[in-house]
Amino acid sequence: MRGMKYTIILPFKNEASNLNGVLDSITSQSLSPYEVLLIDDKSLDNSKTIINSYLMKYTYIKYFQYESKVDFYQLGGKIVNMFHYGMSLSDKSTEWIIKLDADIMFGSNFMEKISRKVTGKKYGIISGTPYEYINNKKILDFSPIWHTHGQFKVYRVQCINEMGGLIPDLAWDGADNIIARSLGWETESFRDILYHHRRPTGSRNSKMTGRIKHGIGAYKLGQDGLYVTFRAIHDLVKYPVIIGSISMLYGYLKAFFTNEKKILNKEQRKLARKLYWSSVLPRFKNKEYIFLQMREK
């Protein structure tokens, strides 16, 4: 069928346990991708063996080894650089570029639904809504409606070019929404288009580390302390209960006292605060934000 022309860029490392799931999701789409670029950060598991079976069957899937020219490490920075590398390899006629994580699964009509949403709209960045299973409950992650999710980002090429690409830093997946909106683009995460984020079963410490990173990222985006406090209160019953909110506040305060570099300019930070504050009331009104169990579609 005809629809949006899109390229998928999938950066990964040692994702053998997840690759079949995400590649089966991609290849089953009723609206097929124009090309799929697999960017491998020197995986040491059998990822390449799994990928080879797809390369033989699907000509639009291409595999590349990522070779960094510099010894670079920064939270969030490497994944952005890998994505930029994929962009440099993509066909210049593509209209949309998708940054996709390996631990994702989605239905066969996912991109067909996305294509219908973007028709005639000035969307610059869009996403669906992720869910995961905790204690056999299907939990949806409802961020503010204008905030697109980092695991599955759909970028209009014109928009990301105007942005000058993504910021190689921890809060890149929050900053991009703010920058796009400051340039006049719309951003949205669609509540009615879901995908499964198959987070590996981690320890409490791994969840705590993630929440600490959220706090650091909030500071880097210029969120003020009162808003972060409201968010922590709202998330008190979100797994890991209580500890997650404390960890986020710790990350924010750590970034504050170490004077972490802000990644948005003054006007963009002003817009960010306006957008985040506008989401406070909906967060508290929407009880489904925390726990929602629903049937598989």
Foldseek 3Di string as FASTA:
>chain_A
DDFAAEEEEEEDAQPLVQQVQAVVQQVLAPDHHQAYEYEYAPHPDCNVVVVVVVVVVDVRYDYDYDDDPDPDDAAQQVLQVSVVVVVVVDDPVHFKYKYAYRQKHFHRHLVVVVRVVPVPAQAFKEAEWEWEADPNFTAIADDPFQQHDDRIIMGGPVQCVVLVGFDSHNLRSRLSSLSSVVVPGGGGYHHPGYMYRYDPDDDLVVLLVVLLSLLLSCVLLLADPVLLLLVLVLCCCAPVHNSSSVSSNVSNVVCVVVVPHRDDDPVSSVSVNVSSVVCSVVSVVPPSNRGDGDDDD
